[in-house]
Amino acid sequence: MFDRLACRIAMAIIDTLRRQHIELTNAVRSVDARIATAPVDELLAELAGLRFLLSAHLAIEDRAFYPQLFQSAAQAGDHDAKATAHTFLSTMEFTATFAEGFFDKFSNRDELLKSRESLAKHWRLLVDALTRRINAEESALYPLFDRLSDNTASNKP
């Protein structure tokens, strides 16, 4: 019973993270389409929404996803999976720090008014980093999590 519950929780975590990727991608596209022309107050609101979505996503990764991934890798005795998880975790810290710096700088109305060119340049860097990260998670990390969760569930009596 407990193992089935753990498996359901793992599935719910990964389903939530995948849905959030869709929401993040949609929010990025929305900002992308309006970054050069949107009124400053509207742009600030969209950036605040994106920041909130990203923060929620990172919180689930930190508090639920990575602990479950490391536990599943340990239970499976899969050292490669553990190493992969550590690599993803450390690169996420870099991406998260970059994103926080971007949002800190451009959550200020005066900063946005001062330089849309600087905003566009930094925005493109953030979009590239988030796109690469989402693609890597979807193509490598989440399938690893699925495989480990499936193996852990099938190895229990």
N, C-alpha and C. Protein backbone atom coordinates (compact mmCIF):
# COMPACT_ATOMS: atom_id res chain seq x y z
N MET A 1 0.82 -1.20 0.00
CA MET A 1 0.00 0.00 0.00
C MET A 1 0.86 1.26 0.00
N PHE A 2 1.86 1.32 0.89
CA PHE A 2 2.73 2.48 0.97
C PHE A 2 3.47 2.69 -0.34
N ASP A 3 3.95 1.60 -0.95
CA ASP A 3 4.70 1.71 -2.20
C ASP A 3 3.83 2.24 -3.34
N ARG A 4 2.57 1.82 -3.38
CA ARG A 4 1.67 2.34 -4.40
C ARG A 4 1.42 3.83 -4.19
N LEU A 5 1.30 4.22 -2.93
CA LEU A 5 1.11 5.63 -2.61
C LEU A 5 2.35 6.43 -3.01
N ALA A 6 3.53 5.92 -2.71
CA ALA A 6 4.78 6.59 -3.09
C ALA A 6 4.88 6.72 -4.60
N CYS A 7 4.47 5.70 -5.31
CA CYS A 7 4.49 5.74 -6.78
C CYS A 7 3.52 6.79 -7.30
N ARG A 8 2.34 6.88 -6.70
CA ARG A 8 1.36 7.89 -7.11
C ARG A 8 1.88 9.30 -6.84
N ILE A 9 2.53 9.46 -5.70
CA ILE A 9 3.10 10.77 -5.37
C ILE A 9 4.18 11.14 -6.38
N ALA A 10 5.05 10.18 -6.71
CA ALA A 10 6.10 10.44 -7.70
C ALA A 10 5.49 10.83 -9.04
N MET A 11 4.45 10.14 -9.44
CA MET A 11 3.79 10.45 -10.70
C MET A 11 3.16 11.84 -10.65
N ALA A 12 2.58 12.21 -9.51
CA ALA A 12 1.97 13.53 -9.36
C ALA A 12 3.03 14.63 -9.43
N ILE A 13 4.18 14.37 -8.84
CA ILE A 13 5.27 15.35 -8.88
C ILE A 13 5.68 15.61 -10.33
N ILE A 14 5.95 14.56 -11.05
CA ILE A 14 6.45 14.71 -12.42
C ILE A 14 5.37 15.29 -13.33
N ASP A 15 4.12 14.91 -13.12
CA ASP A 15 3.03 15.49 -13.91
C ASP A 15 2.92 16.99 -13.66
N THR A 16 3.06 17.39 -12.40
CA THR A 16 3.00 18.81 -12.05
C THR A 16 4.15 19.57 -12.71
N LEU A 17 5.35 19.02 -12.64
CA LEU A 17 6.50 19.70 -13.24
C LEU A 17 6.36 19.81 -14.75
N ARG A 18 5.83 18.79 -15.38
CA ARG A 18 5.62 18.85 -16.84
C ARG A 18 4.56 19.89 -17.20
N ARG A 19 3.50 19.97 -16.43
CA ARG A 19 2.47 21.00 -16.67
C ARG A 19 3.07 22.39 -16.48
N GLN A 20 3.91 22.51 -15.46
CA GLN A 20 4.54 23.81 -15.22
C GLN A 20 5.47 24.20 -16.37
N HIS A 21 6.12 23.24 -16.99
CA HIS A 21 6.94 23.56 -18.16
C HIS A 21 6.09 24.18 -19.26
N ILE A 22 4.90 23.66 -19.45
CA ILE A 22 4.00 24.22 -20.46
C ILE A 22 3.60 25.64 -20.07
N GLU A 23 3.27 25.84 -18.80
CA GLU A 23 2.90 27.18 -18.33
C GLU A 23 4.07 28.15 -18.46
N LEU A 24 5.26 27.70 -18.09
CA LEU A 24 6.45 28.55 -18.21
C LEU A 24 6.71 28.92 -19.67
N THR A 25 6.62 27.93 -20.54
CA THR A 25 6.85 28.18 -21.97
C THR A 25 5.83 29.17 -22.51
N ASN A 26 4.58 29.02 -22.13
CA ASN A 26 3.55 29.96 -22.58
C ASN A 26 3.80 31.37 -22.04
N ALA A 27 4.22 31.47 -20.78
CA ALA A 27 4.50 32.78 -20.20
C ALA A 27 5.70 33.44 -20.90
N VAL A 28 6.73 32.65 -21.19
CA VAL A 28 7.89 33.17 -21.91
C VAL A 28 7.47 33.67 -23.29
N ARG A 29 6.66 32.91 -23.99
CA ARG A 29 6.20 33.33 -25.32
C ARG A 29 5.40 34.62 -25.25
N SER A 30 4.58 34.75 -24.22
CA SER A 30 3.78 35.95 -24.07
C SER A 30 4.67 37.17 -23.85
N VAL A 31 5.63 37.04 -22.95
CA VAL A 31 6.56 38.16 -22.72
C VAL A 31 7.37 38.42 -23.98
N ASP A 32 7.83 37.37 -24.61
CA ASP A 32 8.65 37.50 -25.81
C ASP A 32 7.94 38.32 -26.89
N ALA A 33 6.65 38.08 -27.05
CA ALA A 33 5.89 38.76 -28.10
C ALA A 33 5.66 40.24 -27.78
N ARG A 34 5.78 40.59 -26.50
CA ARG A 34 5.42 41.95 -26.10
C ARG A 34 6.57 42.74 -25.49
N ILE A 35 7.73 42.14 -25.40
CA ILE A 35 8.81 42.77 -24.64
C ILE A 35 9.23 44.13 -25.19
N ALA A 36 9.17 44.31 -26.48
CA ALA A 36 9.63 45.56 -27.08
C ALA A 36 8.55 46.64 -27.10
N THR A 37 7.28 46.23 -27.01
CA THR A 37 6.22 47.21 -27.24
C THR A 37 5.22 47.36 -26.09
N ALA A 38 5.17 46.42 -25.18
CA ALA A 38 4.15 46.47 -24.12
C ALA A 38 4.38 47.67 -23.21
N PRO A 39 3.30 48.27 -22.74
CA PRO A 39 3.46 49.32 -21.73
C PRO A 39 4.22 48.75 -20.52
N VAL A 40 5.02 49.59 -19.89
CA VAL A 40 5.90 49.14 -18.82
C VAL A 40 5.13 48.43 -17.71
N ASP A 41 4.00 48.96 -17.29
CA ASP A 41 3.26 48.34 -16.19
C ASP A 41 2.75 46.95 -16.56
N GLU A 42 2.33 46.77 -17.80
CA GLU A 42 1.89 45.44 -18.25
C GLU A 42 3.07 44.47 -18.30
N LEU A 43 4.19 44.95 -18.77
CA LEU A 43 5.38 44.12 -18.84
C LEU A 43 5.85 43.72 -17.45
N LEU A 44 5.81 44.66 -16.51
CA LEU A 44 6.17 44.34 -15.12
C LEU A 44 5.27 43.25 -14.56
N ALA A 45 3.98 43.33 -14.86
CA ALA A 45 3.04 42.32 -14.38
C ALA A 45 3.33 40.96 -15.00
N GLU A 46 3.64 40.93 -16.29
CA GLU A 46 3.95 39.65 -16.95
C GLU A 46 5.25 39.05 -16.41
N LEU A 47 6.24 39.89 -16.19
CA LEU A 47 7.50 39.40 -15.63
C LEU A 47 7.30 38.88 -14.21
N ALA A 48 6.47 39.57 -13.44
CA ALA A 48 6.17 39.11 -12.07
C ALA A 48 5.47 37.75 -12.11
N GLY A 49 4.57 37.58 -13.05
CA GLY A 49 3.89 36.29 -13.19
C GLY A 49 4.85 35.18 -13.57
N LEU A 50 5.75 35.48 -14.49
CA LEU A 50 6.76 34.49 -14.89
C LEU A 50 7.67 34.16 -13.72
N ARG A 51 8.06 35.15 -12.97
CA ARG A 51 8.92 34.92 -11.80
C ARG A 51 8.21 34.00 -10.80
N PHE A 52 6.93 34.25 -10.57
CA PHE A 52 6.16 33.41 -9.66
C PHE A 52 6.10 31.97 -10.15
N LEU A 53 5.81 31.77 -11.43
CA LEU A 53 5.75 30.42 -12.00
C LEU A 53 7.09 29.70 -11.85
N LEU A 54 8.16 30.40 -12.16
CA LEU A 54 9.49 29.79 -12.06
C LEU A 54 9.84 29.47 -10.62
N SER A 55 9.51 30.36 -9.70
CA SER A 55 9.78 30.11 -8.28
C SER A 55 9.01 28.89 -7.77
N ALA A 56 7.75 28.78 -8.18
CA ALA A 56 6.94 27.63 -7.77
C ALA A 56 7.53 26.34 -8.32
N HIS A 57 7.96 26.38 -9.56
CA HIS A 57 8.56 25.20 -10.20
C HIS A 57 9.83 24.79 -9.46
N LEU A 58 10.68 25.75 -9.18
CA LEU A 58 11.94 25.44 -8.49
C LEU A 58 11.69 24.92 -7.07
N ALA A 59 10.67 25.43 -6.42
CA ALA A 59 10.34 24.96 -5.07
C ALA A 59 9.92 23.49 -5.09
N ILE A 60 9.12 23.10 -6.06
CA ILE A 60 8.72 21.70 -6.17
C ILE A 60 9.93 20.82 -6.49
N GLU A 61 10.78 21.31 -7.38
CA GLU A 61 11.99 20.53 -7.67
C GLU A 61 12.83 20.34 -6.42
N ASP A 62 13.06 21.43 -5.69
CA ASP A 62 13.92 21.37 -4.50
C ASP A 62 13.33 20.53 -3.37
N ARG A 63 12.05 20.69 -3.13
CA ARG A 63 11.44 20.05 -1.96
C ARG A 63 10.89 18.65 -2.22
N ALA A 64 10.55 18.36 -3.46
CA ALA A 64 9.90 17.07 -3.73
C ALA A 64 10.63 16.25 -4.80
N PHE A 65 10.93 16.88 -5.93
CA PHE A 65 11.47 16.13 -7.05
C PHE A 65 12.86 15.57 -6.77
N TYR A 66 13.81 16.44 -6.44
CA TYR A 66 15.17 15.97 -6.25
C TYR A 66 15.31 15.00 -5.07
N PRO A 67 14.66 15.27 -3.94
CA PRO A 67 14.74 14.26 -2.86
C PRO A 67 14.22 12.89 -3.31
N GLN A 68 13.11 12.88 -4.05
CA GLN A 68 12.56 11.61 -4.53
C GLN A 68 13.48 10.96 -5.55
N LEU A 69 14.07 11.77 -6.43
CA LEU A 69 14.99 11.25 -7.44
C LEU A 69 16.22 10.63 -6.78
N PHE A 70 16.80 11.32 -5.81
CA PHE A 70 17.98 10.77 -5.12
C PHE A 70 17.63 9.51 -4.33
N GLN A 71 16.46 9.50 -3.72
CA GLN A 71 16.03 8.31 -2.98
C GLN A 71 15.83 7.13 -3.93
N SER A 72 15.20 7.37 -5.06
CA SER A 72 14.97 6.29 -6.03
C SER A 72 16.29 5.78 -6.60
N ALA A 73 17.23 6.69 -6.88
CA ALA A 73 18.54 6.28 -7.40
C ALA A 73 19.28 5.44 -6.37
N ALA A 74 19.20 5.84 -5.10
CA ALA A 74 19.87 5.09 -4.03
C ALA A 74 19.24 3.71 -3.87
N GLN A 75 17.92 3.64 -3.89
CA GLN A 75 17.24 2.35 -3.75
C GLN A 75 17.57 1.42 -4.91
N ALA A 76 17.76 2.00 -6.09
CA ALA A 76 18.08 1.19 -7.26
C ALA A 76 19.58 0.88 -7.34
N GLY A 77 20.37 1.54 -6.50
CA GLY A 77 21.82 1.38 -6.57
C GLY A 77 22.39 1.91 -7.87
N ASP A 78 21.74 2.92 -8.43
CA ASP A 78 22.11 3.47 -9.73
C ASP A 78 22.98 4.70 -9.54
N HIS A 79 24.29 4.50 -9.56
CA HIS A 79 25.24 5.59 -9.34
C HIS A 79 25.24 6.58 -10.49
N ASP A 80 25.01 6.11 -11.71
CA ASP A 80 24.95 7.01 -12.86
C ASP A 80 23.75 7.96 -12.74
N ALA A 81 22.64 7.42 -12.29
CA ALA A 81 21.45 8.25 -12.11
C ALA A 81 21.69 9.31 -11.02
N LYS A 82 22.36 8.91 -9.97
CA LYS A 82 22.67 9.85 -8.88
C LYS A 82 23.60 10.95 -9.40
N ALA A 83 24.59 10.59 -10.20
CA ALA A 83 25.51 11.57 -10.76
C ALA A 83 24.78 12.52 -11.71
N THR A 84 23.89 11.98 -12.52
CA THR A 84 23.10 12.81 -13.42
C THR A 84 22.24 13.79 -12.63
N ALA A 85 21.62 13.31 -11.57
CA ALA A 85 20.79 14.18 -10.73
C ALA A 85 21.63 15.30 -10.12
N HIS A 86 22.82 14.97 -9.64
CA HIS A 86 23.71 16.00 -9.07
C HIS A 86 24.09 17.04 -10.12
N THR A 87 24.36 16.59 -11.34
CA THR A 87 24.72 17.52 -12.42
C THR A 87 23.56 18.45 -12.72
N PHE A 88 22.37 17.90 -12.85
CA PHE A 88 21.20 18.74 -13.11
C PHE A 88 20.94 19.71 -11.97
N LEU A 89 21.09 19.23 -10.76
CA LEU A 89 20.85 20.09 -9.60
C LEU A 89 21.84 21.25 -9.57
N SER A 90 23.11 20.98 -9.82
CA SER A 90 24.10 22.06 -9.77
C SER A 90 23.91 23.05 -10.92
N THR A 91 23.55 22.57 -12.10
CA THR A 91 23.33 23.51 -13.21
C THR A 91 22.05 24.31 -13.00
N MET A 92 21.08 23.72 -12.29
CA MET A 92 19.86 24.46 -12.00
C MET A 92 20.15 25.61 -11.05
N GLU A 93 21.06 25.41 -10.13
CA GLU A 93 21.41 26.49 -9.22
C GLU A 93 21.95 27.69 -9.99
N PHE A 94 22.77 27.43 -11.00
CA PHE A 94 23.30 28.51 -11.83
C PHE A 94 22.16 29.21 -12.57
N THR A 95 21.29 28.44 -13.20
CA THR A 95 20.17 29.01 -13.95
C THR A 95 19.25 29.81 -13.04
N ALA A 96 18.97 29.27 -11.86
CA ALA A 96 18.09 29.96 -10.91
C ALA A 96 18.71 31.28 -10.45
N THR A 97 20.01 31.27 -10.20
CA THR A 97 20.70 32.49 -9.78
C THR A 97 20.66 33.54 -10.89
N PHE A 98 20.88 33.11 -12.12
CA PHE A 98 20.81 34.02 -13.26
C PHE A 98 19.40 34.61 -13.38
N ALA A 99 18.39 33.75 -13.27
CA ALA A 99 17.00 34.21 -13.38
C ALA A 99 16.67 35.20 -12.27
N GLU A 100 17.08 34.91 -11.05
CA GLU A 100 16.82 35.82 -9.94
C GLU A 100 17.45 37.18 -10.19
N GLY A 101 18.69 37.17 -10.69
CA GLY A 101 19.35 38.43 -11.01
C GLY A 101 18.59 39.23 -12.05
N PHE A 102 18.12 38.52 -13.07
CA PHE A 102 17.32 39.18 -14.12
C PHE A 102 16.07 39.80 -13.51
N PHE A 103 15.32 39.01 -12.75
CA PHE A 103 14.06 39.51 -12.19
C PHE A 103 14.30 40.62 -11.18
N ASP A 104 15.37 40.52 -10.40
CA ASP A 104 15.68 41.60 -9.46
C ASP A 104 15.95 42.91 -10.20
N LYS A 105 16.72 42.81 -11.26
CA LYS A 105 17.09 44.01 -12.02
C LYS A 105 15.89 44.60 -12.74
N PHE A 106 15.08 43.75 -13.36
CA PHE A 106 14.02 44.26 -14.22
C PHE A 106 12.63 44.22 -13.59
N SER A 107 12.56 44.13 -12.28
CA SER A 107 11.25 44.25 -11.62
C SER A 107 11.02 45.70 -11.18
N ASN A 108 11.95 46.55 -11.54
CA ASN A 108 11.90 47.96 -11.19
C ASN A 108 11.43 48.76 -12.41
N ARG A 109 10.40 49.53 -12.22
CA ARG A 109 9.82 50.33 -13.31
C ARG A 109 10.86 51.25 -13.93
N ASP A 110 11.64 51.90 -13.09
CA ASP A 110 12.66 52.84 -13.60
C ASP A 110 13.70 52.13 -14.46
N GLU A 111 14.09 50.93 -14.05
CA GLU A 111 15.08 50.18 -14.81
C GLU A 111 14.52 49.79 -16.18
N LEU A 112 13.25 49.43 -16.23
CA LEU A 112 12.63 49.10 -17.51
C LEU A 112 12.53 50.33 -18.42
N LEU A 113 12.16 51.43 -17.84
CA LEU A 113 12.05 52.66 -18.62
C LEU A 113 13.40 53.13 -19.14
N LYS A 114 14.44 52.88 -18.36
CA LYS A 114 15.77 53.35 -18.71
C LYS A 114 16.32 52.67 -19.95
N SER A 115 16.11 51.35 -20.06
CA SER A 115 16.77 50.67 -21.17
C SER A 115 16.03 49.41 -21.61
N ARG A 116 15.21 49.56 -22.61
CA ARG A 116 14.55 48.39 -23.20
C ARG A 116 15.57 47.54 -23.94
N GLU A 117 16.63 48.19 -24.44
CA GLU A 117 17.67 47.44 -25.15
C GLU A 117 18.39 46.48 -24.21
N SER A 118 18.72 46.96 -23.03
CA SER A 118 19.36 46.10 -22.03
C SER A 118 18.41 44.98 -21.60
N LEU A 119 17.16 45.33 -21.42
CA LEU A 119 16.15 44.32 -21.08
C LEU A 119 16.10 43.24 -22.15
N ALA A 120 16.03 43.64 -23.40
CA ALA A 120 15.93 42.67 -24.50
C ALA A 120 17.15 41.75 -24.54
N LYS A 121 18.32 42.30 -24.33
CA LYS A 121 19.54 41.50 -24.34
C LYS A 121 19.54 40.47 -23.20
N HIS A 122 19.23 40.92 -22.01
CA HIS A 122 19.20 40.02 -20.85
C HIS A 122 18.05 39.02 -20.96
N TRP A 123 16.94 39.48 -21.51
CA TRP A 123 15.79 38.60 -21.70
C TRP A 123 16.16 37.43 -22.61
N ARG A 124 16.84 37.73 -23.71
CA ARG A 124 17.22 36.69 -24.66
C ARG A 124 18.12 35.65 -23.98
N LEU A 125 19.03 36.11 -23.14
CA LEU A 125 19.90 35.18 -22.39
C LEU A 125 19.07 34.29 -21.45
N LEU A 126 18.11 34.91 -20.77
CA LEU A 126 17.26 34.14 -19.86
C LEU A 126 16.41 33.13 -20.63
N VAL A 127 15.82 33.56 -21.73
CA VAL A 127 14.99 32.65 -22.54
C VAL A 127 15.83 31.47 -23.02
N ASP A 128 17.02 31.74 -23.50
CA ASP A 128 17.89 30.66 -23.98
C ASP A 128 18.21 29.68 -22.85
N ALA A 129 18.54 30.20 -21.67
CA ALA A 129 18.87 29.34 -20.53
C ALA A 129 17.67 28.50 -20.11
N LEU A 130 16.49 29.13 -20.03
CA LEU A 130 15.29 28.39 -19.62
C LEU A 130 14.88 27.35 -20.67
N THR A 131 15.00 27.71 -21.93
CA THR A 131 14.63 26.78 -23.01
C THR A 131 15.54 25.56 -22.98
N ARG A 132 16.85 25.79 -22.87
CA ARG A 132 17.78 24.66 -22.79
C ARG A 132 17.48 23.79 -21.58
N ARG A 133 17.19 24.43 -20.47
CA ARG A 133 16.92 23.69 -19.24
C ARG A 133 15.65 22.84 -19.36
N ILE A 134 14.59 23.44 -19.84
CA ILE A 134 13.33 22.71 -19.99
C ILE A 134 13.51 21.53 -20.95
N ASN A 135 14.18 21.78 -22.06
CA ASN A 135 14.41 20.69 -23.02
C ASN A 135 15.23 19.57 -22.41
N ALA A 136 16.26 19.90 -21.64
CA ALA A 136 17.09 18.88 -21.00
C ALA A 136 16.31 18.09 -19.96
N GLU A 137 15.49 18.78 -19.19
CA GLU A 137 14.68 18.09 -18.19
C GLU A 137 13.69 17.14 -18.86
N GLU A 138 13.03 17.62 -19.89
CA GLU A 138 12.03 16.80 -20.58
C GLU A 138 12.64 15.61 -21.31
N SER A 139 13.83 15.79 -21.87
CA SER A 139 14.42 14.72 -22.67
C SER A 139 15.29 13.76 -21.87
N ALA A 140 15.84 14.20 -20.75
CA ALA A 140 16.77 13.33 -20.01
C ALA A 140 16.39 13.13 -18.56
N LEU A 141 16.13 14.20 -17.84
CA LEU A 141 15.93 14.08 -16.39
C LEU A 141 14.60 13.43 -16.03
N TYR A 142 13.52 13.89 -16.63
CA TYR A 142 12.22 13.32 -16.29
C TYR A 142 12.08 11.87 -16.73
N PRO A 143 12.58 11.48 -17.91
CA PRO A 143 12.56 10.05 -18.24
C PRO A 143 13.39 9.21 -17.26
N LEU A 144 14.50 9.76 -16.77
CA LEU A 144 15.28 9.07 -15.75
C LEU A 144 14.45 8.88 -14.48
N PHE A 145 13.77 9.92 -14.07
CA PHE A 145 12.90 9.85 -12.90
C PHE A 145 11.80 8.81 -13.10
N ASP A 146 11.18 8.82 -14.29
CA ASP A 146 10.13 7.84 -14.59
C ASP A 146 10.68 6.42 -14.50
N ARG A 147 11.84 6.20 -15.09
CA ARG A 147 12.44 4.86 -15.08
C ARG A 147 12.75 4.41 -13.66
N LEU A 148 13.34 5.27 -12.87
CA LEU A 148 13.67 4.90 -11.49
C LEU A 148 12.41 4.66 -10.67
N SER A 149 11.41 5.49 -10.86
CA SER A 149 10.14 5.31 -10.12
C SER A 149 9.47 4.00 -10.51
N ASP A 150 9.49 3.69 -11.81
CA ASP A 150 8.91 2.43 -12.27
C ASP A 150 9.67 1.24 -11.70
N ASN A 151 11.00 1.31 -11.72
CA ASN A 151 11.83 0.23 -11.18
C ASN A 151 11.63 0.04 -9.68
N THR A 152 11.55 1.16 -8.97
CA THR A 152 11.35 1.09 -7.52
C THR A 152 10.01 0.47 -7.19
N ALA A 153 8.97 0.85 -7.93
CA ALA A 153 7.63 0.31 -7.68
C ALA A 153 7.56 -1.17 -8.05
N SER A 154 8.22 -1.57 -9.14
CA SER A 154 8.13 -2.97 -9.57
C SER A 154 9.01 -3.91 -8.75
N ASN A 155 9.97 -3.38 -8.02
CA ASN A 155 10.83 -4.20 -7.19
C ASN A 155 10.31 -4.40 -5.79
N LYS A 156 9.16 -3.82 -5.48
CA LYS A 156 8.57 -3.97 -4.15
C LYS A 156 7.54 -5.10 -4.15
N PRO A 157 7.47 -5.85 -3.08
CA PRO A 157 6.47 -6.92 -3.00
C PRO A 157 5.06 -6.39 -2.90
